[in-house]
């Protein structure tokens, strides 16, 4: 006697549909896993970029503060120079008056 598996004719299309569905499901699972790995890589890059950006922001603020300090110092120096010029001019005038 020969043993064989008998499949009803109505189940043939069902089995034929299950095989591609299983292949598609497996493909989707592999794609999801690859996407998860890619998301993890991108997350690491974003975290590193965020740290770098924060460092750059701090450096920029420090640079702005240093530039402002330098500008304030130059403004003070300009005022001191004007006062010194006025005093020097007055001194020269006094010396010229004394020579006459």
Protein backbone atom coordinates (compact mmCIF):
# COMPACT_ATOMS: atom_id res chain seq x y z
CA UNK A 1 0.00 0.00 0.00
CA UNK A 2 1.06 3.38 -0.82
CA UNK A 3 0.67 6.08 1.72
CA UNK A 4 0.07 9.57 0.44
CA UNK A 5 -1.18 12.83 1.76
CA UNK A 6 -4.45 13.82 0.32
CA UNK A 7 -5.34 17.47 0.30
CA UNK A 8 -8.86 18.55 -0.47
CA UNK A 9 -9.12 20.60 -3.64
CA UNK A 10 -10.54 23.59 -1.78
CA UNK A 11 -7.37 23.73 0.42
CA UNK A 12 -4.93 23.96 -2.51
CA UNK A 13 -5.45 27.71 -3.05
CA UNK A 14 -5.23 28.21 0.72
CA UNK A 15 -1.87 26.40 0.92
CA UNK A 16 -0.71 28.26 -2.18
CA UNK A 17 -1.55 31.56 -0.43
CA UNK A 18 0.06 30.59 2.89
CA UNK A 19 3.51 29.98 1.34
CA UNK A 20 3.95 33.49 -0.13
CA UNK A 21 2.45 34.97 3.04
CA UNK A 22 5.05 33.15 5.15
CA UNK A 23 7.83 34.36 2.85
CA UNK A 24 6.51 37.94 3.04
CA UNK A 25 6.24 37.70 6.84
CA UNK A 26 9.85 36.46 7.08
CA UNK A 27 11.02 39.27 4.81
CA UNK A 28 9.17 41.86 6.88
CA UNK A 29 10.74 40.49 10.07
CA UNK A 30 14.24 40.73 8.57
CA UNK A 31 13.50 44.26 7.35
CA UNK A 32 12.22 45.26 10.80
CA UNK A 33 15.36 43.90 12.45
CA UNK A 34 17.58 45.77 9.98
CA UNK A 35 15.57 48.94 10.60
CA UNK A 36 15.97 48.54 14.37
CA UNK A 37 19.73 48.19 13.96
CA UNK A 38 19.82 51.27 11.73
CA UNK A 39 17.74 53.24 14.25
CA UNK A 40 20.18 52.28 17.00
CA UNK A 41 23.13 53.49 14.89
CA UNK A 42 21.39 56.76 14.04
CA UNK A 43 20.48 57.28 17.72
CA UNK A 44 24.14 56.98 18.70
CA UNK A 45 25.15 59.46 16.01
CA UNK A 46 22.43 61.90 17.11
CA UNK A 47 23.52 61.67 20.76
CA UNK A 48 27.13 62.32 19.75
CA UNK A 49 26.05 65.22 17.56
CA UNK A 50 23.97 66.66 20.41
CA UNK A 51 27.00 66.56 22.71
CA UNK A 52 29.16 68.21 20.05
CA UNK A 53 26.51 70.86 19.40
CA UNK A 54 26.24 71.59 23.12
CA UNK A 55 30.03 71.94 23.33
CA UNK A 56 29.99 74.28 20.33
CA UNK A 57 27.20 76.36 21.88
CA UNK A 58 29.18 76.74 25.08
CA UNK A 59 32.29 77.71 23.12
CA UNK A 60 30.29 80.21 21.09
CA UNK A 61 28.86 81.81 24.23
CA UNK A 62 32.32 82.01 25.77
CA UNK A 63 33.67 83.58 22.58
CA UNK A 64 30.83 86.12 22.56
CA UNK A 65 31.56 86.95 26.18
CA UNK A 66 35.29 87.35 25.45
CA UNK A 67 34.57 89.57 22.45
CA UNK A 68 32.24 91.72 24.55
CA UNK A 69 34.89 92.02 27.27
CA UNK A 70 37.49 93.06 24.68
CA UNK A 71 35.08 95.58 23.15
CA UNK A 72 34.32 97.05 26.59
CA UNK A 73 38.06 97.26 27.33
CA UNK A 74 38.69 99.04 24.03
CA UNK A 75 35.87 101.49 24.76
CA UNK A 76 37.41 102.27 28.15
CA UNK A 77 40.81 102.64 26.56
CA UNK A 78 39.37 105.07 24.02
CA UNK A 79 37.83 107.17 26.82
CA UNK A 80 41.13 107.16 28.71
CA UNK A 81 42.97 108.19 25.53
CA UNK A 82 40.57 111.10 25.00
CA UNK A 83 41.04 112.28 28.59
CA UNK A 84 44.82 111.94 28.26
CA UNK A 85 44.80 113.86 24.97
CA UNK A 86 42.79 116.66 26.58
CA UNK A 87 45.18 116.84 29.53
CA UNK A 88 48.20 116.75 27.23
CA UNK A 89 46.70 119.52 25.09
CA UNK A 90 46.08 121.63 28.18
CA UNK A 91 49.65 121.04 29.36
CA UNK A 92 51.07 122.07 25.98
CA UNK A 93 48.96 125.24 26.00
CA UNK A 94 50.21 126.13 29.51
CA UNK A 95 53.82 125.53 28.45
CA UNK A 96 53.38 127.70 25.35
CA UNK A 97 51.85 130.51 27.44
CA UNK A 98 54.75 130.38 29.88
CA UNK A 99 57.33 130.70 27.08
CA UNK A 100 55.81 133.91 25.80
